[in-house]
Amino acid sequence: MVELVMVLVLMAVGVPPLISIGNTCLQKMHQGSYVSVATALAQEEIETILGDKAAPSRGFSYIVTGNYPAEPNVSGFATYARSVTIDTDSTYNSVTFRCVTVNVTTPDGQTCSLSTWILNQ
């Protein structure tokens, strides 16, 4: 009987931390997949913007924030939100450029940001 009580006490003390560790591991695994998806969604939007810049009908002048509205629910990924910020023109060595930043928010509230410069050349 004493042995049974000892086993129950040890389980009562040892099992809850193991469950907590398991839950933490599962959350971290999901966070990794969320960040991977968010990075891909941000890269997709940057590729779209680069494609617009290269398109003869659009070009550098088309690359303004107003042409890339915020997406509170990204198509196909309803729990992700995406927004684009395009800074005003800067010039260096007679080259005009804009900094483009794409932010994607994951279902657990993390934000993944990717930035690039678009040159007017």
PDB file of N, CA and C in Angstrom:
ATOM      1  N   MET A   1       0.817  -1.191   0.000  1.00  0.00           N
ATOM      2  CA  MET A   1       0.000   0.000   0.000  1.00  0.00           C
ATOM      3  C   MET A   1       0.869   1.267   0.000  1.00  0.00           C
ATOM      4  N   VAL A   2       1.943   1.240   0.783  1.00  0.00           N
ATOM      5  CA  VAL A   2       2.855   2.376   0.844  1.00  0.00           C
ATOM      6  C   VAL A   2       3.493   2.605  -0.532  1.00  0.00           C
ATOM      7  N   GLU A   3       3.827   1.530  -1.214  1.00  0.00           N
ATOM      8  CA  GLU A   3       4.429   1.642  -2.534  1.00  0.00           C
ATOM      9  C   GLU A   3       3.464   2.280  -3.524  1.00  0.00           C
ATOM     10  N   LEU A   4       2.220   1.934  -3.445  1.00  0.00           N
ATOM     11  CA  LEU A   4       1.199   2.502  -4.311  1.00  0.00           C
ATOM     12  C   LEU A   4       1.071   4.000  -4.056  1.00  0.00           C
ATOM     13  N   VAL A   5       1.051   4.403  -2.813  1.00  0.00           N
ATOM     14  CA  VAL A   5       0.956   5.816  -2.466  1.00  0.00           C
ATOM     15  C   VAL A   5       2.184   6.573  -2.989  1.00  0.00           C
ATOM     16  N   MET A   6       3.366   5.978  -2.858  1.00  0.00           N
ATOM     17  CA  MET A   6       4.588   6.615  -3.344  1.00  0.00           C
ATOM     18  C   MET A   6       4.551   6.799  -4.866  1.00  0.00           C
ATOM     19  N   VAL A   7       4.070   5.799  -5.571  1.00  0.00           N
ATOM     20  CA  VAL A   7       3.956   5.895  -7.030  1.00  0.00           C
ATOM     21  C   VAL A   7       2.988   7.006  -7.405  1.00  0.00           C
ATOM     22  N   LEU A   8       1.862   7.104  -6.725  1.00  0.00           N
ATOM     23  CA  LEU A   8       0.877   8.146  -7.013  1.00  0.00           C
ATOM     24  C   LEU A   8       1.456   9.537  -6.725  1.00  0.00           C
ATOM     25  N   VAL A   9       2.201   9.677  -5.637  1.00  0.00           N
ATOM     26  CA  VAL A   9       2.811  10.961  -5.309  1.00  0.00           C
ATOM     27  C   VAL A   9       3.841  11.348  -6.374  1.00  0.00           C
ATOM     28  N   LEU A  10       4.680  10.406  -6.763  1.00  0.00           N
ATOM     29  CA  LEU A  10       5.674  10.686  -7.794  1.00  0.00           C
ATOM     30  C   LEU A  10       5.025  11.063  -9.116  1.00  0.00           C
ATOM     31  N   MET A  11       3.958  10.389  -9.476  1.00  0.00           N
ATOM     32  CA  MET A  11       3.252  10.719 -10.721  1.00  0.00           C
ATOM     33  C   MET A  11       2.600  12.088 -10.620  1.00  0.00           C
ATOM     34  N   ALA A  12       2.031  12.396  -9.454  1.00  0.00           N
ATOM     35  CA  ALA A  12       1.390  13.700  -9.270  1.00  0.00           C
ATOM     36  C   ALA A  12       2.403  14.829  -9.379  1.00  0.00           C
ATOM     37  N   VAL A  13       3.636  14.585  -8.969  1.00  0.00           N
ATOM     38  CA  VAL A  13       4.669  15.608  -9.022  1.00  0.00           C
ATOM     39  C   VAL A  13       5.354  15.630 -10.392  1.00  0.00           C
ATOM     40  N   GLY A  14       5.538  14.491 -11.034  1.00  0.00           N
ATOM     41  CA  GLY A  14       6.317  14.404 -12.259  1.00  0.00           C
ATOM     42  C   GLY A  14       5.558  14.582 -13.551  1.00  0.00           C
ATOM     43  N   VAL A  15       4.305  14.204 -13.608  1.00  0.00           N
ATOM     44  CA  VAL A  15       3.563  14.229 -14.865  1.00  0.00           C
ATOM     45  C   VAL A  15       3.197  15.644 -15.317  1.00  0.00           C
ATOM     46  N   PRO A  16       2.716  16.545 -14.446  1.00  0.00           N
ATOM     47  CA  PRO A  16       2.352  17.892 -14.938  1.00  0.00           C
ATOM     48  C   PRO A  16       3.489  18.632 -15.641  1.00  0.00           C
ATOM     49  N   PRO A  17       4.734  18.612 -15.119  1.00  0.00           N
ATOM     50  CA  PRO A  17       5.806  19.281 -15.877  1.00  0.00           C
ATOM     51  C   PRO A  17       6.049  18.636 -17.243  1.00  0.00           C
ATOM     52  N   LEU A  18       5.911  17.325 -17.334  1.00  0.00           N
ATOM     53  CA  LEU A  18       6.083  16.664 -18.628  1.00  0.00           C
ATOM     54  C   LEU A  18       5.015  17.094 -19.623  1.00  0.00           C
ATOM     55  N   ILE A  19       3.803  17.241 -19.155  1.00  0.00           N
ATOM     56  CA  ILE A  19       2.711  17.709 -20.023  1.00  0.00           C
ATOM     57  C   ILE A  19       2.992  19.139 -20.476  1.00  0.00           C
ATOM     58  N   SER A  20       3.461  19.976 -19.560  1.00  0.00           N
ATOM     59  CA  SER A  20       3.790  21.362 -19.897  1.00  0.00           C
ATOM     60  C   SER A  20       4.902  21.423 -20.941  1.00  0.00           C
ATOM     61  N   ILE A  21       5.919  20.624 -20.781  1.00  0.00           N
ATOM     62  CA  ILE A  21       7.019  20.583 -21.750  1.00  0.00           C
ATOM     63  C   ILE A  21       6.509  20.123 -23.109  1.00  0.00           C
ATOM     64  N   GLY A  22       5.637  19.138 -23.127  1.00  0.00           N
ATOM     65  CA  GLY A  22       5.057  18.655 -24.386  1.00  0.00           C
ATOM     66  C   GLY A  22       4.266  19.732 -25.090  1.00  0.00           C
ATOM     67  N   ASN A  23       3.462  20.490 -24.331  1.00  0.00           N
ATOM     68  CA  ASN A  23       2.685  21.577 -24.931  1.00  0.00           C
ATOM     69  C   ASN A  23       3.591  22.663 -25.497  1.00  0.00           C
ATOM     70  N   THR A  24       4.644  22.998 -24.785  1.00  0.00           N
ATOM     71  CA  THR A  24       5.596  24.004 -25.257  1.00  0.00           C
ATOM     72  C   THR A  24       6.255  23.555 -26.557  1.00  0.00           C
ATOM     73  N   CYS A  25       6.637  22.285 -26.619  1.00  0.00           N
ATOM     74  CA  CYS A  25       7.252  21.756 -27.846  1.00  0.00           C
ATOM     75  C   CYS A  25       6.291  21.842 -29.025  1.00  0.00           C
ATOM     76  N   LEU A  26       5.036  21.511 -28.809  1.00  0.00           N
ATOM     77  CA  LEU A  26       4.045  21.591 -29.885  1.00  0.00           C
ATOM     78  C   LEU A  26       3.856  23.026 -30.354  1.00  0.00           C
ATOM     79  N   GLN A  27       3.811  23.977 -29.407  1.00  0.00           N
ATOM     80  CA  GLN A  27       3.657  25.380 -29.796  1.00  0.00           C
ATOM     81  C   GLN A  27       4.855  25.852 -30.617  1.00  0.00           C
ATOM     82  N   LYS A  28       6.048  25.484 -30.217  1.00  0.00           N
ATOM     83  CA  LYS A  28       7.245  25.892 -30.960  1.00  0.00           C
ATOM     84  C   LYS A  28       7.254  25.293 -32.362  1.00  0.00           C
ATOM     85  N   MET A  29       6.780  24.065 -32.496  1.00  0.00           N
ATOM     86  CA  MET A  29       6.711  23.446 -33.823  1.00  0.00           C
ATOM     87  C   MET A  29       5.755  24.224 -34.718  1.00  0.00           C
ATOM     88  N   HIS A  30       4.612  24.647 -34.183  1.00  0.00           N
ATOM     89  CA  HIS A  30       3.666  25.421 -34.974  1.00  0.00           C
ATOM     90  C   HIS A  30       4.243  26.784 -35.340  1.00  0.00           C
ATOM     91  N   GLN A  31       4.945  27.416 -34.406  1.00  0.00           N
ATOM     92  CA  GLN A  31       5.530  28.719 -34.699  1.00  0.00           C
ATOM     93  C   GLN A  31       6.496  28.636 -35.871  1.00  0.00           C
ATOM     94  N   GLY A  32       7.276  27.578 -35.924  1.00  0.00           N
ATOM     95  CA  GLY A  32       8.205  27.405 -37.038  1.00  0.00           C
ATOM     96  C   GLY A  32       7.491  27.298 -38.368  1.00  0.00           C
ATOM     97  N   SER A  33       6.409  26.552 -38.399  1.00  0.00           N
ATOM     98  CA  SER A  33       5.667  26.423 -39.656  1.00  0.00           C
ATOM     99  C   SER A  33       4.960  27.726 -40.003  1.00  0.00           C
ATOM    100  N   TYR A  34       4.476  28.454 -39.001  1.00  0.00           N
ATOM    101  CA  TYR A  34       3.843  29.755 -39.258  1.00  0.00           C
ATOM    102  C   TYR A  34       4.838  30.725 -39.895  1.00  0.00           C
ATOM    103  N   VAL A  35       6.048  30.764 -39.361  1.00  0.00           N
ATOM    104  CA  VAL A  35       7.064  31.679 -39.885  1.00  0.00           C
ATOM    105  C   VAL A  35       7.469  31.275 -41.301  1.00  0.00           C
ATOM    106  N   SER A  36       7.533  29.987 -41.569  1.00  0.00           N
ATOM    107  CA  SER A  36       7.872  29.526 -42.926  1.00  0.00           C
ATOM    108  C   SER A  36       6.814  29.966 -43.927  1.00  0.00           C
ATOM    109  N   VAL A  37       5.552  29.806 -43.574  1.00  0.00           N
ATOM    110  CA  VAL A  37       4.466  30.227 -44.465  1.00  0.00           C
ATOM    111  C   VAL A  37       4.483  31.744 -44.628  1.00  0.00           C
ATOM    112  N   ALA A  38       4.675  32.473 -43.535  1.00  0.00           N
ATOM    113  CA  ALA A  38       4.698  33.938 -43.594  1.00  0.00           C
ATOM    114  C   ALA A  38       5.832  34.432 -44.483  1.00  0.00           C
ATOM    115  N   THR A  39       6.983  33.809 -44.396  1.00  0.00           N
ATOM    116  CA  THR A  39       8.120  34.190 -45.237  1.00  0.00           C
ATOM    117  C   THR A  39       7.805  33.953 -46.709  1.00  0.00           C
ATOM    118  N   ALA A  40       7.180  32.833 -47.007  1.00  0.00           N
ATOM    119  CA  ALA A  40       6.804  32.541 -48.400  1.00  0.00           C
ATOM    120  C   ALA A  40       5.778  33.542 -48.915  1.00  0.00           C
ATOM    121  N   LEU A  41       4.813  33.928 -48.072  1.00  0.00           N
ATOM    122  CA  LEU A  41       3.799  34.900 -48.490  1.00  0.00           C
ATOM    123  C   LEU A  41       4.419  36.283 -48.708  1.00  0.00           C
ATOM    124  N   ALA A  42       5.377  36.658 -47.882  1.00  0.00           N
ATOM    125  CA  ALA A  42       6.056  37.939 -48.063  1.00  0.00           C
ATOM    126  C   ALA A  42       6.886  37.919 -49.346  1.00  0.00           C
ATOM    127  N   GLN A  43       7.583  36.822 -49.588  1.00  0.00           N
ATOM    128  CA  GLN A  43       8.393  36.694 -50.808  1.00  0.00           C
ATOM    129  C   GLN A  43       7.506  36.730 -52.049  1.00  0.00           C
ATOM    130  N   GLU A  44       6.344  36.102 -51.962  1.00  0.00           N
ATOM    131  CA  GLU A  44       5.408  36.114 -53.086  1.00  0.00           C
ATOM    132  C   GLU A  44       5.007  37.545 -53.444  1.00  0.00           C
ATOM    133  N   GLU A  45       4.720  38.352 -52.436  1.00  0.00           N
ATOM    134  CA  GLU A  45       4.308  39.739 -52.697  1.00  0.00           C
ATOM    135  C   GLU A  45       5.466  40.559 -53.266  1.00  0.00           C
ATOM    136  N   ILE A  46       6.666  40.352 -52.765  1.00  0.00           N
ATOM    137  CA  ILE A  46       7.829  41.057 -53.327  1.00  0.00           C
ATOM    138  C   ILE A  46       8.027  40.673 -54.788  1.00  0.00           C
ATOM    139  N   GLU A  47       7.856  39.395 -55.113  1.00  0.00           N
ATOM    140  CA  GLU A  47       7.967  38.955 -56.517  1.00  0.00           C
ATOM    141  C   GLU A  47       6.893  39.605 -57.380  1.00  0.00           C
ATOM    142  N   THR A  48       5.687  39.774 -56.841  1.00  0.00           N
ATOM    143  CA  THR A  48       4.618  40.456 -57.575  1.00  0.00           C
ATOM    144  C   THR A  48       5.017  41.899 -57.862  1.00  0.00           C
ATOM    145  N   ILE A  49       5.560  42.566 -56.860  1.00  0.00           N
ATOM    146  CA  ILE A  49       5.974  43.962 -57.027  1.00  0.00           C
ATOM    147  C   ILE A  49       7.112  44.065 -58.047  1.00  0.00           C
ATOM    148  N   LEU A  50       8.073  43.170 -57.976  1.00  0.00           N
ATOM    149  CA  LEU A  50       9.162  43.173 -58.959  1.00  0.00           C
ATOM    150  C   LEU A  50       8.625  42.900 -60.366  1.00  0.00           C
ATOM    151  N   GLY A  51       7.636  42.031 -60.467  1.00  0.00           N
ATOM    152  CA  GLY A  51       7.005  41.775 -61.763  1.00  0.00           C
ATOM    153  C   GLY A  51       6.292  43.005 -62.292  1.00  0.00           C
ATOM    154  N   ASP A  52       5.618  43.753 -61.405  1.00  0.00           N
ATOM    155  CA  ASP A  52       4.954  44.991 -61.822  1.00  0.00           C
ATOM    156  C   ASP A  52       5.971  46.020 -62.311  1.00  0.00           C
ATOM    157  N   LYS A  53       7.102  46.091 -61.643  1.00  0.00           N
ATOM    158  CA  LYS A  53       8.143  47.038 -62.055  1.00  0.00           C
ATOM    159  C   LYS A  53       8.684  46.674 -63.435  1.00  0.00           C
ATOM    160  N   ALA A  54       8.818  45.383 -63.708  1.00  0.00           N
ATOM    161  CA  ALA A  54       9.354  44.920 -64.991  1.00  0.00           C
ATOM    162  C   ALA A  54       8.329  44.982 -66.121  1.00  0.00           C
ATOM    163  N   ALA A  55       7.044  45.054 -65.787  1.00  0.00           N
ATOM    164  CA  ALA A  55       5.996  45.065 -66.815  1.00  0.00           C
ATOM    165  C   ALA A  55       6.012  46.393 -67.580  1.00  0.00           C
ATOM    166  N   PRO A  56       6.009  46.328 -68.905  1.00  0.00           N
ATOM    167  CA  PRO A  56       6.032  47.565 -69.704  1.00  0.00           C
ATOM    168  C   PRO A  56       4.841  48.484 -69.423  1.00  0.00           C
ATOM    169  N   SER A  57       3.703  47.911 -69.070  1.00  0.00           N
ATOM    170  CA  SER A  57       2.511  48.723 -68.832  1.00  0.00           C
ATOM    171  C   SER A  57       2.488  49.356 -67.440  1.00  0.00           C
ATOM    172  N   ARG A  58       3.419  48.974 -66.568  1.00  0.00           N
ATOM    173  CA  ARG A  58       3.422  49.505 -65.195  1.00  0.00           C
ATOM    174  C   ARG A  58       4.711  50.242 -64.898  1.00  0.00           C
ATOM    175  N   GLY A  59       5.770  49.551 -64.659  1.00  0.00           N
ATOM    176  CA  GLY A  59       7.069  50.187 -64.427  1.00  0.00           C
ATOM    177  C   GLY A  59       7.246  50.747 -63.028  1.00  0.00           C
ATOM    178  N   PHE A  60       8.335  51.507 -62.866  1.00  0.00           N
ATOM    179  CA  PHE A  60       8.734  52.037 -61.556  1.00  0.00           C
ATOM    180  C   PHE A  60       7.667  52.945 -60.953  1.00  0.00           C
ATOM    181  N   SER A  61       7.026  53.751 -61.760  1.00  0.00           N
ATOM    182  CA  SER A  61       6.040  54.712 -61.241  1.00  0.00           C
ATOM    183  C   SER A  61       4.816  54.023 -60.633  1.00  0.00           C
ATOM    184  N   TYR A  62       4.574  52.773 -61.009  1.00  0.00           N
ATOM    185  CA  TYR A  62       3.429  52.031 -60.475  1.00  0.00           C
ATOM    186  C   TYR A  62       3.675  51.562 -59.035  1.00  0.00           C
ATOM    187  N   ILE A  63       4.931  51.510 -58.623  1.00  0.00           N
ATOM    188  CA  ILE A  63       5.295  50.948 -57.323  1.00  0.00           C
ATOM    189  C   ILE A  63       5.057  51.997 -56.236  1.00  0.00           C
ATOM    190  N   VAL A  64       3.814  52.104 -55.797  1.00  0.00           N
ATOM    191  CA  VAL A  64       3.414  52.987 -54.697  1.00  0.00           C
ATOM    192  C   VAL A  64       2.488  52.193 -53.766  1.00  0.00           C
ATOM    193  N   THR A  65       2.450  52.587 -52.504  1.00  0.00           N
ATOM    194  CA  THR A  65       1.685  51.846 -51.495  1.00  0.00           C
ATOM    195  C   THR A  65       0.223  51.677 -51.893  1.00  0.00           C
ATOM    196  N   GLY A  66      -0.368  52.683 -52.516  1.00  0.00           N
ATOM    197  CA  GLY A  66      -1.787  52.625 -52.880  1.00  0.00           C
ATOM    198  C   GLY A  66      -2.140  51.493 -53.821  1.00  0.00           C
ATOM    199  N   ASN A  67      -1.179  51.007 -54.583  1.00  0.00           N
ATOM    200  CA  ASN A  67      -1.451  49.908 -55.517  1.00  0.00           C
ATOM    201  C   ASN A  67      -1.332  48.532 -54.865  1.00  0.00           C
ATOM    202  N   TYR A  68      -0.966  48.505 -53.596  1.00  0.00           N
ATOM    203  CA  TYR A  68      -0.811  47.231 -52.878  1.00  0.00           C
ATOM    204  C   TYR A  68      -1.532  47.335 -51.533  1.00  0.00           C
ATOM    205  N   PRO A  69      -2.864  47.234 -51.561  1.00  0.00           N
ATOM    206  CA  PRO A  69      -3.626  47.402 -50.317  1.00  0.00           C
ATOM    207  C   PRO A  69      -3.366  46.264 -49.320  1.00  0.00           C
ATOM    208  N   ALA A  70      -3.590  46.577 -48.054  1.00  0.00           N
ATOM    209  CA  ALA A  70      -3.428  45.568 -47.000  1.00  0.00           C
ATOM    210  C   ALA A  70      -4.426  44.432 -47.213  1.00  0.00           C
ATOM    211  N   GLU A  71      -3.991  43.234 -46.906  1.00  0.00           N
ATOM    212  CA  GLU A  71      -4.838  42.050 -47.016  1.00  0.00           C
ATOM    213  C   GLU A  71      -5.037  41.469 -45.608  1.00  0.00           C
ATOM    214  N   PRO A  72      -6.194  41.747 -44.979  1.00  0.00           N
ATOM    215  CA  PRO A  72      -6.407  41.204 -43.636  1.00  0.00           C
ATOM    216  C   PRO A  72      -6.513  39.683 -43.630  1.00  0.00           C
ATOM    217  N   ASN A  73      -6.908  39.104 -44.749  1.00  0.00           N
ATOM    218  CA  ASN A  73      -6.975  37.650 -44.911  1.00  0.00           C
ATOM    219  C   ASN A  73      -6.370  37.307 -46.264  1.00  0.00           C
ATOM    220  N   VAL A  74      -5.143  36.817 -46.253  1.00  0.00           N
ATOM    221  CA  VAL A  74      -4.464  36.482 -47.496  1.00  0.00           C
ATOM    222  C   VAL A  74      -5.208  35.332 -48.180  1.00  0.00           C
ATOM    223  N   SER A  75      -5.436  35.463 -49.473  1.00  0.00           N
ATOM    224  CA  SER A  75      -6.161  34.447 -50.228  1.00  0.00           C
ATOM    225  C   SER A  75      -5.490  33.078 -50.085  1.00  0.00           C
ATOM    226  N   GLY A  76      -6.260  32.105 -49.620  1.00  0.00           N
ATOM    227  CA  GLY A  76      -5.750  30.761 -49.413  1.00  0.00           C
ATOM    228  C   GLY A  76      -5.122  30.554 -48.044  1.00  0.00           C
ATOM    229  N   PHE A  77      -4.895  31.647 -47.319  1.00  0.00           N
ATOM    230  CA  PHE A  77      -4.297  31.589 -45.979  1.00  0.00           C
ATOM    231  C   PHE A  77      -5.044  32.584 -45.085  1.00  0.00           C
ATOM    232  N   ALA A  78      -6.301  32.282 -44.807  1.00  0.00           N
ATOM    233  CA  ALA A  78      -7.203  33.234 -44.157  1.00  0.00           C
ATOM    234  C   ALA A  78      -6.738  33.693 -42.778  1.00  0.00           C
ATOM    235  N   THR A  79      -5.872  32.943 -42.122  1.00  0.00           N
ATOM    236  CA  THR A  79      -5.424  33.341 -40.786  1.00  0.00           C
ATOM    237  C   THR A  79      -4.163  34.191 -40.815  1.00  0.00           C
ATOM    238  N   TYR A  80      -3.693  34.558 -42.004  1.00  0.00           N
ATOM    239  CA  TYR A  80      -2.514  35.407 -42.166  1.00  0.00           C
ATOM    240  C   TYR A  80      -2.945  36.764 -42.721  1.00  0.00           C
ATOM    241  N   ALA A  81      -2.260  37.821 -42.298  1.00  0.00           N
ATOM    242  CA  ALA A  81      -2.519  39.169 -42.816  1.00  0.00           C
ATOM    243  C   ALA A  81      -1.233  39.686 -43.452  1.00  0.00           C
ATOM    244  N   ARG A  82      -1.394  40.453 -44.548  1.00  0.00           N
ATOM    245  CA  ARG A  82      -0.214  40.942 -45.274  1.00  0.00           C
ATOM    246  C   ARG A  82      -0.398  42.425 -45.588  1.00  0.00           C
ATOM    247  N   SER A  83       0.674  43.191 -45.441  1.00  0.00           N
ATOM    248  CA  SER A  83       0.639  44.607 -45.794  1.00  0.00           C
ATOM    249  C   SER A  83       1.966  44.998 -46.454  1.00  0.00           C
ATOM    250  N   VAL A  84       1.902  46.047 -47.264  1.00  0.00           N
ATOM    251  CA  VAL A  84       3.074  46.528 -48.000  1.00  0.00           C
ATOM    252  C   VAL A  84       3.296  47.995 -47.649  1.00  0.00           C
ATOM    253  N   THR A  85       4.554  48.332 -47.377  1.00  0.00           N
ATOM    254  CA  THR A  85       4.943  49.724 -47.144  1.00  0.00           C
ATOM    255  C   THR A  85       6.019  50.076 -48.168  1.00  0.00           C
ATOM    256  N   ILE A  86       5.798  51.174 -48.865  1.00  0.00           N
ATOM    257  CA  ILE A  86       6.769  51.633 -49.862  1.00  0.00           C
ATOM    258  C   ILE A  86       7.191  53.042 -49.477  1.00  0.00           C
ATOM    259  N   ASP A  87       8.469  53.199 -49.173  1.00  0.00           N
ATOM    260  CA  ASP A  87       8.996  54.498 -48.760  1.00  0.00           C
ATOM    261  C   ASP A  87       9.052  55.454 -49.941  1.00  0.00           C
ATOM    262  N   THR A  88       9.199  56.726 -49.612  1.00  0.00           N
ATOM    263  CA  THR A  88       9.346  57.738 -50.656  1.00  0.00           C
ATOM    264  C   THR A  88      10.686  57.555 -51.366  1.00  0.00           C
ATOM    265  N   ASP A  89      10.811  58.178 -52.513  1.00  0.00           N
ATOM    266  CA  ASP A  89      12.028  58.040 -53.317  1.00  0.00           C
ATOM    267  C   ASP A  89      13.267  58.536 -52.574  1.00  0.00           C
ATOM    268  N   SER A  90      14.348  57.822 -52.791  1.00  0.00           N
ATOM    269  CA  SER A  90      15.671  58.240 -52.320  1.00  0.00           C
ATOM    270  C   SER A  90      16.591  58.208 -53.526  1.00  0.00           C
ATOM    271  N   THR A  91      17.670  58.943 -53.442  1.00  0.00           N
ATOM    272  CA  THR A  91      18.626  58.974 -54.553  1.00  0.00           C
ATOM    273  C   THR A  91      20.033  58.796 -54.012  1.00  0.00           C
ATOM    274  N   TYR A  92      20.807  57.988 -54.724  1.00  0.00           N
ATOM    275  CA  TYR A  92      22.207  57.795 -54.388  1.00  0.00           C
ATOM    276  C   TYR A  92      22.977  57.641 -55.693  1.00  0.00           C
ATOM    277  N   ASN A  93      24.001  58.474 -55.891  1.00  0.00           N
ATOM    278  CA  ASN A  93      24.793  58.454 -57.129  1.00  0.00           C
ATOM    279  C   ASN A  93      23.901  58.532 -58.367  1.00  0.00           C
ATOM    280  N   SER A  94      22.954  59.429 -58.341  1.00  0.00           N
ATOM    281  CA  SER A  94      22.026  59.675 -59.449  1.00  0.00           C
ATOM    282  C   SER A  94      21.075  58.519 -59.723  1.00  0.00           C
ATOM    283  N   VAL A  95      20.973  57.549 -58.816  1.00  0.00           N
ATOM    284  CA  VAL A  95      20.036  56.435 -58.987  1.00  0.00           C
ATOM    285  C   VAL A  95      18.891  56.613 -57.985  1.00  0.00           C
ATOM    286  N   THR A  96      17.677  56.646 -58.505  1.00  0.00           N
ATOM    287  CA  THR A  96      16.503  56.766 -57.647  1.00  0.00           C
ATOM    288  C   THR A  96      16.023  55.369 -57.274  1.00  0.00           C
ATOM    289  N   PHE A  97      15.659  55.211 -56.007  1.00  0.00           N
ATOM    290  CA  PHE A  97      15.182  53.903 -55.537  1.00  0.00           C
ATOM    291  C   PHE A  97      14.134  54.083 -54.454  1.00  0.00           C
ATOM    292  N   ARG A  98      13.388  53.022 -54.220  1.00  0.00           N
ATOM    293  CA  ARG A  98      12.372  52.973 -53.164  1.00  0.00           C
ATOM    294  C   ARG A  98      12.597  51.718 -52.341  1.00  0.00           C
ATOM    295  N   CYS A  99      12.431  51.844 -51.048  1.00  0.00           N
ATOM    296  CA  CYS A  99      12.505  50.680 -50.161  1.00  0.00           C
ATOM    297  C   CYS A  99      11.101  50.107 -50.015  1.00  0.00           C
ATOM    298  N   VAL A 100      10.960  48.830 -50.317  1.00  0.00           N
ATOM    299  CA  VAL A 100       9.678  48.134 -50.218  1.00  0.00           C
ATOM    300  C   VAL A 100       9.774  47.127 -49.076  1.00  0.00           C
ATOM    301  N   THR A 101       8.803  47.190 -48.160  1.00  0.00           N
ATOM    302  CA  THR A 101       8.759  46.256 -47.040  1.00  0.00           C
ATOM    303  C   THR A 101       7.406  45.558 -47.037  1.00  0.00           C
ATOM    304  N   VAL A 102       7.442  44.236 -46.952  1.00  0.00           N
ATOM    305  CA  VAL A 102       6.216  43.428 -46.861  1.00  0.00           C
ATOM    306  C   VAL A 102       6.189  42.801 -45.470  1.00  0.00           C
ATOM    307  N   ASN A 103       5.085  43.034 -44.755  1.00  0.00           N
ATOM    308  CA  ASN A 103       4.888  42.456 -43.423  1.00  0.00           C
ATOM    309  C   ASN A 103       3.771  41.421 -43.486  1.00  0.00           C
ATOM    310  N   VAL A 104       4.019  40.256 -42.911  1.00  0.00           N
ATOM    311  CA  VAL A 104       2.996  39.214 -42.834  1.00  0.00           C
ATOM    312  C   VAL A 104       2.842  38.825 -41.368  1.00  0.00           C
ATOM    313  N   THR A 105       1.597  38.875 -40.894  1.00  0.00           N
ATOM    314  CA  THR A 105       1.299  38.493 -39.511  1.00  0.00           C
ATOM    315  C   THR A 105       0.746  37.076 -39.497  1.00  0.00           C
ATOM    316  N   THR A 106       1.309  36.242 -38.617  1.00  0.00           N
ATOM    317  CA  THR A 106       0.931  34.826 -38.512  1.00  0.00           C
ATOM    318  C   THR A 106      -0.289  34.669 -37.613  1.00  0.00           C
ATOM    319  N   PRO A 107      -0.904  33.490 -37.612  1.00  0.00           N
ATOM    320  CA  PRO A 107      -2.073  33.266 -36.754  1.00  0.00           C
ATOM    321  C   PRO A 107      -1.796  33.478 -35.263  1.00  0.00           C
ATOM    322  N   ASP A 108      -0.546  33.289 -34.834  1.00  0.00           N
ATOM    323  CA  ASP A 108      -0.242  33.480 -33.411  1.00  0.00           C
ATOM    324  C   ASP A 108       0.305  34.880 -33.114  1.00  0.00           C
ATOM    325  N   GLY A 109       0.206  35.798 -34.079  1.00  0.00           N
ATOM    326  CA  GLY A 109       0.544  37.194 -33.841  1.00  0.00           C
ATOM    327  C   GLY A 109       1.969  37.607 -34.152  1.00  0.00           C
ATOM    328  N   GLN A 110       2.811  36.696 -34.593  1.00  0.00           N
ATOM    329  CA  GLN A 110       4.175  37.063 -34.980  1.00  0.00           C
ATOM    330  C   GLN A 110       4.137  37.819 -36.309  1.00  0.00           C
ATOM    331  N   THR A 111       5.122  38.681 -36.520  1.00  0.00           N
ATOM    332  CA  THR A 111       5.210  39.407 -37.783  1.00  0.00           C
ATOM    333  C   THR A 111       6.526  39.073 -38.464  1.00  0.00           C
ATOM    334  N   CYS A 112       6.419  38.705 -39.725  1.00  0.00           N
ATOM    335  CA  CYS A 112       7.589  38.419 -40.558  1.00  0.00           C
ATOM    336  C   CYS A 112       7.691  39.557 -41.570  1.00  0.00           C
ATOM    337  N   SER A 113       8.861  40.178 -41.678  1.00  0.00           N
ATOM    338  CA  SER A 113       9.069  41.302 -42.593  1.00  0.00           C
ATOM    339  C   SER A 113      10.201  40.985 -43.568  1.00  0.00           C
ATOM    340  N   LEU A 114       9.960  41.307 -44.827  1.00  0.00           N
ATOM    341  CA  LEU A 114      10.998  41.223 -45.856  1.00  0.00           C
ATOM    342  C   LEU A 114      11.062  42.574 -46.560  1.00  0.00           C
ATOM    343  N   SER A 115      12.275  43.039 -46.846  1.00  0.00           N
ATOM    344  CA  SER A 115      12.455  44.322 -47.509  1.00  0.00           C
ATOM    345  C   SER A 115      13.373  44.177 -48.702  1.00  0.00           C
ATOM    346  N   THR A 116      13.187  45.058 -49.665  1.00  0.00           N
ATOM    347  CA  THR A 116      14.076  45.136 -50.819  1.00  0.00           C
ATOM    348  C   THR A 116      14.057  46.556 -51.349  1.00  0.00           C
ATOM    349  N   TRP A 117      15.019  46.882 -52.178  1.00  0.00           N
ATOM    350  CA  TRP A 117      15.056  48.164 -52.860  1.00  0.00           C
ATOM    351  C   TRP A 117      14.697  47.953 -54.316  1.00  0.00           C
ATOM    352  N   ILE A 118      13.842  48.840 -54.786  1.00  0.00           N
ATOM    353  CA  ILE A 118      13.461  48.833 -56.202  1.00  0.00           C
ATOM    354  C   ILE A 118      14.151  50.028 -56.849  1.00  0.00           C
ATOM    355  N   LEU A 119      14.957  49.768 -57.864  1.00  0.00           N
ATOM    356  CA  LEU A 119      15.702  50.823 -58.535  1.00  0.00           C
ATOM    357  C   LEU A 119      14.944  51.340 -59.747  1.00  0.00           C
ATOM    358  N   ASN A 120      15.072  52.624 -60.025  1.00  0.00           N
ATOM    359  CA  ASN A 120      14.452  53.211 -61.211  1.00  0.00           C
ATOM    360  C   ASN A 120      15.452  53.141 -62.359  1.00  0.00           C
ATOM    361  N   GLN A 121      15.716  51.939 -62.819  1.00  0.00           N
ATOM    362  CA  GLN A 121      16.642  51.733 -63.943  1.00  0.00           C
ATOM    363  C   GLN A 121      16.062  50.738 -64.894  1.00  0.00           C
TER     364      GLN A 121
END
